[in-house]
Structure formats: structure tokens, C-alpha cells
Amino acid sequence: MSLLDGFASPVAQAQQTFRLILKALSEPGVTVRLTGGPQWPPLNAAATAVLLTLADGETPLLIEPALNSEQVLTNLRFHTGAPQASSAAQAAFAVYDPRLQAADLHALPHGDELAPEQGATLIVQLDDLENGAPLRLRGPGIAHSRTIAPTLPEALRRYLLARPQPFPLGLDVILTCGDALLAIPRTTHLEEC
């Protein structure tokens, strides 16, 4: 098992990536590019950069089996110290691909009234962020509305349109494709166009 390269300049790149992730979360639906970082297949470059930046020894990770490899787990442990979650209910971060199912979404922690921040951050690797069915976003960080059109798994699309947990509970969602990402925090309301 070989170690893969992390950020070439760990502090500077983690700070730059953090600022871009923060921009995406504070301006839902805005696409940002996380360039210059590593890619650890089967994770794409954006998912790799997000985990290198946000994961640490106190953030259990759940990586779905199709994206999970011993090499990725070893490198995440080495570069971030993040442990593997023992179950979906324990995950702080969860990484999925388009095969994401409704049962996967419901198994993740959504926080509770006393600790809504305990909801997981869901990272979904997609094939495309621009050519799916359009969705209109409203809420904090959006002046009036913003339209996005990622090719979402049907289960995630239904979850985002219905938001089964009352605010402030729920999942923060980061959609990635290649080195690009956009975010849909739990504060964002979605509707079909």
C-alpha cells in the first residue's frame, strides 16, 4: 500500500480550499473549482480536496463501497486522521456516487433539536453539474433565486425537494464533479422549475 500525495503546500492549499468551500456553502448553487489538488481514485479531485480540508480526527467518514478502497482509507487516515464511521448513523461526512438510495439518506444523522449541527455533510460525486433537470434555490445567500441543473440521483432529488426533517435539522449537501463543486446547505429551499 503506497501513500498518495496530499496537498503540495498543505497549509496554503487547505486555506484556499476552505475559502472556496465556504463560498459554495454561503452562496448555494454557485459552482467553485478546487484546482491544483490531488485526486485519489475512485474519489474525484473535488471530493478529495473537501476531505483533505474538512476531515480530521473527530469527523468519522462513511465512504460508500463503490468509492471505498483500502488505499483511499489509508491515505485519509494518514493525511487527516479521520476515522472510518462504524455505521451511517455515526458519520460526520458521507461520500456517495449516483447510486445513492433513499435508505442511505435516512440512515445518516440529521441532528436533533438540541444539536442540529450534528447533521452529516453528504458529498455526492456526480457525472454532471449542469445538464440535469433544473431546480430553483431560495434562502440565505441567494438574493432572489438561483437555478441549478445537476444530474441528481432520484433519491437525492426527492429528499431535497421534500426536506423531510424540519429546519434546522437535515443534511448539508456538497455535489462534486471533477474539480468542481456546488453546495446545497440545509437552509436552502428547492423547487422544480
C-alpha atoms as a PDB file:
ATOM      1  CA  MET A   1       0.000   0.000   0.000  1.00  0.00           C
ATOM      2  CA  SER A   2       1.526   3.299  -1.049  1.00  0.00           C
ATOM      3  CA  LEU A   3       0.808   6.723   0.306  1.00  0.00           C
ATOM      4  CA  LEU A   4      -0.675   9.149  -2.184  1.00  0.00           C
ATOM      5  CA  ASP A   5       0.240  12.807  -2.350  1.00  0.00           C
ATOM      6  CA  GLY A   6      -1.887  15.201  -0.335  1.00  0.00           C
ATOM      7  CA  PHE A   7      -1.790  18.935  -0.932  1.00  0.00           C
ATOM      8  CA  ALA A   8       1.646  20.013  -2.235  1.00  0.00           C
ATOM      9  CA  SER A   9       1.507  23.012   0.105  1.00  0.00           C
ATOM     10  CA  PRO A  10      -0.792  21.712   2.875  1.00  0.00           C
ATOM     11  CA  VAL A  11      -1.465  24.908   4.816  1.00  0.00           C
ATOM     12  CA  ALA A  12      -1.903  27.270   1.866  1.00  0.00           C
ATOM     13  CA  GLN A  13      -3.959  24.842  -0.212  1.00  0.00           C
ATOM     14  CA  ALA A  14      -6.171  23.821   2.710  1.00  0.00           C
ATOM     15  CA  GLN A  15      -6.847  27.508   3.462  1.00  0.00           C
ATOM     16  CA  GLN A  16      -7.640  28.275  -0.182  1.00  0.00           C
ATOM     17  CA  THR A  17      -9.865  25.205  -0.479  1.00  0.00           C
ATOM     18  CA  PHE A  18     -11.635  26.066   2.787  1.00  0.00           C
ATOM     19  CA  ARG A  19     -12.423  29.563   1.484  1.00  0.00           C
ATOM     20  CA  LEU A  20     -13.866  28.099  -1.739  1.00  0.00           C
ATOM     21  CA  ILE A  21     -15.970  25.535   0.152  1.00  0.00           C
ATOM     22  CA  LEU A  22     -17.210  28.339   2.425  1.00  0.00           C
ATOM     23  CA  LYS A  23     -18.123  30.399  -0.662  1.00  0.00           C
ATOM     24  CA  ALA A  24     -20.092  27.444  -2.070  1.00  0.00           C
ATOM     25  CA  LEU A  25     -21.917  26.889   1.242  1.00  0.00           C
ATOM     26  CA  SER A  26     -22.667  30.586   1.793  1.00  0.00           C
ATOM     27  CA  GLU A  27     -23.819  31.082  -1.819  1.00  0.00           C
ATOM     28  CA  PRO A  28     -25.850  27.920  -2.511  1.00  0.00           C
ATOM     29  CA  GLY A  29     -25.800  26.824  -6.128  1.00  0.00           C
ATOM     30  CA  VAL A  30     -22.630  28.731  -7.069  1.00  0.00           C
ATOM     31  CA  THR A  31     -20.072  26.395  -8.649  1.00  0.00           C
ATOM     32  CA  VAL A  32     -16.466  26.688  -7.492  1.00  0.00           C
ATOM     33  CA  ARG A  33     -13.378  24.881  -8.796  1.00  0.00           C
ATOM     34  CA  LEU A  34     -10.848  23.266  -6.471  1.00  0.00           C
ATOM     35  CA  THR A  35      -7.841  23.203  -8.788  1.00  0.00           C
ATOM     36  CA  GLY A  36      -4.286  22.115  -8.121  1.00  0.00           C
ATOM     37  CA  GLY A  37      -5.077  19.404  -5.601  1.00  0.00           C
ATOM     38  CA  PRO A  38      -4.684  15.638  -5.726  1.00  0.00           C
ATOM     39  CA  GLN A  39      -7.217  13.120  -6.907  1.00  0.00           C
ATOM     40  CA  TRP A  40      -7.415   9.745  -5.188  1.00  0.00           C
ATOM     41  CA  PRO A  41      -9.420   7.452  -7.485  1.00  0.00           C
ATOM     42  CA  PRO A  42     -12.163   6.458  -7.237  1.00  0.00           C
ATOM     43  CA  LEU A  43     -12.694   9.822  -5.461  1.00  0.00           C
ATOM     44  CA  ASN A  44     -12.741  12.797  -7.808  1.00  0.00           C
ATOM     45  CA  ALA A  45     -10.492  15.815  -7.262  1.00  0.00           C
ATOM     46  CA  ALA A  46     -13.174  17.934  -5.561  1.00  0.00           C
ATOM     47  CA  ALA A  47     -14.211  15.193  -3.119  1.00  0.00           C
ATOM     48  CA  THR A  48     -10.549  14.507  -2.316  1.00  0.00           C
ATOM     49  CA  ALA A  49      -9.914  18.220  -1.653  1.00  0.00           C
ATOM     50  CA  VAL A  50     -13.026  18.564   0.536  1.00  0.00           C
ATOM     51  CA  LEU A  51     -11.990  15.605   2.685  1.00  0.00           C
ATOM     52  CA  LEU A  52      -8.365  16.785   2.937  1.00  0.00           C
ATOM     53  CA  THR A  53      -9.641  20.184   4.078  1.00  0.00           C
ATOM     54  CA  LEU A  54     -12.565  19.382   6.376  1.00  0.00           C
ATOM     55  CA  ALA A  55     -11.967  15.882   7.765  1.00  0.00           C
ATOM     56  CA  ASP A  56      -9.997  15.409  10.969  1.00  0.00           C
ATOM     57  CA  GLY A  57      -9.657  13.029  13.898  1.00  0.00           C
ATOM     58  CA  GLU A  58     -13.120  13.963  15.210  1.00  0.00           C
ATOM     59  CA  THR A  59     -15.084  13.552  11.974  1.00  0.00           C
ATOM     60  CA  PRO A  60     -15.947   9.911  11.226  1.00  0.00           C
ATOM     61  CA  LEU A  61     -16.149   9.207   7.493  1.00  0.00           C
ATOM     62  CA  LEU A  62     -18.501   6.915   5.638  1.00  0.00           C
ATOM     63  CA  ILE A  63     -17.470   6.140   2.070  1.00  0.00           C
ATOM     64  CA  GLU A  64     -19.894   4.004   0.100  1.00  0.00           C
ATOM     65  CA  PRO A  65     -18.466   0.646  -1.047  1.00  0.00           C
ATOM     66  CA  ALA A  66     -18.124   1.580  -4.739  1.00  0.00           C
ATOM     67  CA  LEU A  67     -15.849   4.516  -3.799  1.00  0.00           C
ATOM     68  CA  ASN A  68     -14.163   2.829  -0.893  1.00  0.00           C
ATOM     69  CA  SER A  69     -10.724   1.323  -1.247  1.00  0.00           C
ATOM     70  CA  GLU A  70      -8.086   0.409   1.293  1.00  0.00           C
ATOM     71  CA  GLN A  71      -5.705   2.875  -0.372  1.00  0.00           C
ATOM     72  CA  VAL A  72      -8.169   5.765  -0.036  1.00  0.00           C
ATOM     73  CA  LEU A  73      -8.907   4.890   3.610  1.00  0.00           C
ATOM     74  CA  THR A  74      -5.216   4.548   4.445  1.00  0.00           C
ATOM     75  CA  ASN A  75      -4.422   7.894   2.882  1.00  0.00           C
ATOM     76  CA  LEU A  76      -7.354   9.630   4.578  1.00  0.00           C
ATOM     77  CA  ARG A  77      -6.205   8.268   7.941  1.00  0.00           C
ATOM     78  CA  PHE A  78      -2.624   9.369   7.229  1.00  0.00           C
ATOM     79  CA  HIS A  79      -3.371  12.849   5.867  1.00  0.00           C
ATOM     80  CA  THR A  80      -6.398  13.776   8.044  1.00  0.00           C
ATOM     81  CA  GLY A  81      -6.542  11.361  10.977  1.00  0.00           C
ATOM     82  CA  ALA A  82     -10.255  10.861  10.252  1.00  0.00           C
ATOM     83  CA  PRO A  83     -11.627   7.521  11.459  1.00  0.00           C
ATOM     84  CA  GLN A  84     -13.956   5.336   9.444  1.00  0.00           C
ATOM     85  CA  ALA A  85     -17.539   5.539  10.757  1.00  0.00           C
ATOM     86  CA  SER A  86     -18.775   2.288  12.251  1.00  0.00           C
ATOM     87  CA  SER A  87     -22.247   2.944  10.796  1.00  0.00           C
ATOM     88  CA  ALA A  88     -24.035   5.570   8.725  1.00  0.00           C
ATOM     89  CA  ALA A  89     -25.582   6.972  11.923  1.00  0.00           C
ATOM     90  CA  GLN A  90     -22.088   7.828  13.214  1.00  0.00           C
ATOM     91  CA  ALA A  91     -20.861   9.647  10.073  1.00  0.00           C
ATOM     92  CA  ALA A  92     -19.912  13.314  10.091  1.00  0.00           C
ATOM     93  CA  PHE A  93     -19.083  13.105   6.373  1.00  0.00           C
ATOM     94  CA  ALA A  94     -20.524  10.602   3.901  1.00  0.00           C
ATOM     95  CA  VAL A  95     -19.343  10.153   0.312  1.00  0.00           C
ATOM     96  CA  TYR A  96     -21.626   8.589  -2.307  1.00  0.00           C
ATOM     97  CA  ASP A  97     -21.925   8.324  -6.074  1.00  0.00           C
ATOM     98  CA  PRO A  98     -25.093   8.467  -8.235  1.00  0.00           C
ATOM     99  CA  ARG A  99     -26.250   5.077  -6.883  1.00  0.00           C
ATOM    100  CA  LEU A 100     -27.287   6.855  -3.662  1.00  0.00           C
ATOM    101  CA  GLN A 101     -30.595   5.460  -2.348  1.00  0.00           C
ATOM    102  CA  ALA A 102     -33.292   6.852  -0.052  1.00  0.00           C
ATOM    103  CA  ALA A 103     -32.291   4.345   2.665  1.00  0.00           C
ATOM    104  CA  ASP A 104     -28.728   5.764   2.572  1.00  0.00           C
ATOM    105  CA  LEU A 105     -30.059   9.292   3.130  1.00  0.00           C
ATOM    106  CA  HIS A 106     -32.328   8.298   6.014  1.00  0.00           C
ATOM    107  CA  ALA A 107     -29.544   6.342   7.769  1.00  0.00           C
ATOM    108  CA  LEU A 108     -27.318   9.429   8.073  1.00  0.00           C
ATOM    109  CA  PRO A 109     -27.536  11.676  11.149  1.00  0.00           C
ATOM    110  CA  HIS A 110     -29.798  14.695  10.672  1.00  0.00           C
ATOM    111  CA  GLY A 111     -29.121  16.318  14.058  1.00  0.00           C
ATOM    112  CA  ASP A 112     -31.745  16.927  16.694  1.00  0.00           C
ATOM    113  CA  GLU A 113     -33.434  19.934  18.308  1.00  0.00           C
ATOM    114  CA  LEU A 114     -30.650  20.321  20.871  1.00  0.00           C
ATOM    115  CA  ALA A 115     -27.777  19.738  18.433  1.00  0.00           C
ATOM    116  CA  PRO A 116     -28.814  20.426  14.832  1.00  0.00           C
ATOM    117  CA  GLU A 117     -25.155  20.816  13.888  1.00  0.00           C
ATOM    118  CA  GLN A 118     -24.793  17.059  14.366  1.00  0.00           C
ATOM    119  CA  GLY A 119     -26.334  16.510  10.920  1.00  0.00           C
ATOM    120  CA  ALA A 120     -23.958  14.940   8.415  1.00  0.00           C
ATOM    121  CA  THR A 121     -22.377  16.567   5.403  1.00  0.00           C
ATOM    122  CA  LEU A 122     -23.174  14.496   2.342  1.00  0.00           C
ATOM    123  CA  ILE A 123     -20.699  14.598  -0.540  1.00  0.00           C
ATOM    124  CA  VAL A 124     -22.099  13.169  -3.777  1.00  0.00           C
ATOM    125  CA  GLN A 125     -19.897  12.554  -6.813  1.00  0.00           C
ATOM    126  CA  LEU A 126     -21.896  13.247  -9.965  1.00  0.00           C
ATOM    127  CA  ASP A 127     -21.270  12.868 -13.675  1.00  0.00           C
ATOM    128  CA  ASP A 128     -22.514  16.371 -14.460  1.00  0.00           C
ATOM    129  CA  LEU A 129     -23.369  19.569 -12.563  1.00  0.00           C
ATOM    130  CA  GLU A 130     -25.113  21.349 -15.433  1.00  0.00           C
ATOM    131  CA  ASN A 131     -27.284  19.173 -17.702  1.00  0.00           C
ATOM    132  CA  GLY A 132     -29.915  17.703 -15.398  1.00  0.00           C
ATOM    133  CA  ALA A 133     -33.464  18.802 -14.629  1.00  0.00           C
ATOM    134  CA  PRO A 134     -33.445  22.417 -13.376  1.00  0.00           C
ATOM    135  CA  LEU A 135     -34.129  23.279  -9.755  1.00  0.00           C
ATOM    136  CA  ARG A 136     -34.752  26.720  -8.263  1.00  0.00           C
ATOM    137  CA  LEU A 137     -32.991  27.553  -4.995  1.00  0.00           C
ATOM    138  CA  ARG A 138     -34.098  30.150  -2.445  1.00  0.00           C
ATOM    139  CA  GLY A 139     -32.854  31.024   1.006  1.00  0.00           C
ATOM    140  CA  PRO A 140     -29.883  32.543   2.810  1.00  0.00           C
ATOM    141  CA  GLY A 141     -27.038  33.546   0.484  1.00  0.00           C
ATOM    142  CA  ILE A 142     -29.359  33.912  -2.516  1.00  0.00           C
ATOM    143  CA  ALA A 143     -30.684  37.403  -3.371  1.00  0.00           C
ATOM    144  CA  HIS A 144     -33.892  36.240  -5.096  1.00  0.00           C
ATOM    145  CA  SER A 145     -33.439  32.777  -6.565  1.00  0.00           C
ATOM    146  CA  ARG A 146     -30.773  30.733  -8.325  1.00  0.00           C
ATOM    147  CA  THR A 147     -31.254  27.899 -10.806  1.00  0.00           C
ATOM    148  CA  ILE A 148     -29.057  24.806 -10.919  1.00  0.00           C
ATOM    149  CA  ALA A 149     -29.289  21.664 -13.056  1.00  0.00           C
ATOM    150  CA  PRO A 150     -27.067  18.879 -11.711  1.00  0.00           C
ATOM    151  CA  THR A 151     -27.805  15.280 -12.735  1.00  0.00           C
ATOM    152  CA  LEU A 152     -29.017  14.162  -9.310  1.00  0.00           C
ATOM    153  CA  PRO A 153     -29.816  10.635  -8.173  1.00  0.00           C
ATOM    154  CA  GLU A 154     -33.605  10.410  -7.946  1.00  0.00           C
ATOM    155  CA  ALA A 155     -33.497   9.673  -4.199  1.00  0.00           C
ATOM    156  CA  LEU A 156     -31.468  12.824  -3.528  1.00  0.00           C
ATOM    157  CA  ARG A 157     -33.710  14.929  -5.759  1.00  0.00           C
ATOM    158  CA  ARG A 158     -36.792  13.752  -3.828  1.00  0.00           C
ATOM    159  CA  TYR A 159     -35.034  14.363  -0.488  1.00  0.00           C
ATOM    160  CA  LEU A 160     -34.012  17.910  -1.430  1.00  0.00           C
ATOM    161  CA  LEU A 161     -37.467  18.826  -2.732  1.00  0.00           C
ATOM    162  CA  ALA A 162     -39.285  17.419   0.328  1.00  0.00           C
ATOM    163  CA  ARG A 163     -36.724  18.022   3.136  1.00  0.00           C
ATOM    164  CA  PRO A 164     -38.356  15.502   5.499  1.00  0.00           C
ATOM    165  CA  GLN A 165     -36.785  16.959   8.665  1.00  0.00           C
ATOM    166  CA  PRO A 166     -37.976  20.335   9.970  1.00  0.00           C
ATOM    167  CA  PHE A 167     -35.399  23.134   9.904  1.00  0.00           C
ATOM    168  CA  PRO A 168     -32.743  23.344  11.362  1.00  0.00           C
ATOM    169  CA  LEU A 169     -32.352  19.563  11.072  1.00  0.00           C
ATOM    170  CA  GLY A 170     -31.108  17.859   7.931  1.00  0.00           C
ATOM    171  CA  LEU A 171     -28.111  17.227   5.733  1.00  0.00           C
ATOM    172  CA  ASP A 172     -25.752  19.708   4.142  1.00  0.00           C
ATOM    173  CA  VAL A 173     -25.081  18.517   0.593  1.00  0.00           C
ATOM    174  CA  ILE A 174     -21.947  19.073  -1.487  1.00  0.00           C
ATOM    175  CA  LEU A 175     -22.189  17.977  -5.120  1.00  0.00           C
ATOM    176  CA  THR A 176     -18.902  17.313  -6.919  1.00  0.00           C
ATOM    177  CA  CYS A 177     -17.861  16.609 -10.489  1.00  0.00           C
ATOM    178  CA  GLY A 178     -14.168  16.526 -11.419  1.00  0.00           C
ATOM    179  CA  ASP A 179     -12.606  19.503  -9.629  1.00  0.00           C
ATOM    180  CA  ALA A 180     -15.902  21.444  -9.407  1.00  0.00           C
ATOM    181  CA  LEU A 181     -18.439  21.561  -6.595  1.00  0.00           C
ATOM    182  CA  LEU A 182     -21.611  23.303  -5.565  1.00  0.00           C
ATOM    183  CA  ALA A 183     -23.309  23.177  -2.195  1.00  0.00           C
ATOM    184  CA  ILE A 184     -26.899  22.951  -1.009  1.00  0.00           C
ATOM    185  CA  PRO A 185     -26.952  23.594   2.740  1.00  0.00           C
ATOM    186  CA  ARG A 186     -29.904  22.557   4.873  1.00  0.00           C
ATOM    187  CA  THR A 187     -31.071  26.207   4.965  1.00  0.00           C
ATOM    188  CA  THR A 188     -31.797  26.182   1.215  1.00  0.00           C
ATOM    189  CA  HIS A 189     -35.303  25.623  -0.137  1.00  0.00           C
ATOM    190  CA  LEU A 190     -35.559  23.863  -3.516  1.00  0.00           C
ATOM    191  CA  GLU A 191     -38.404  23.650  -6.005  1.00  0.00           C
ATOM    192  CA  GLU A 192     -38.761  22.318  -9.509  1.00  0.00           C
ATOM    193  CA  CYS A 193     -38.608  24.899 -12.309  1.00  0.00           C
END
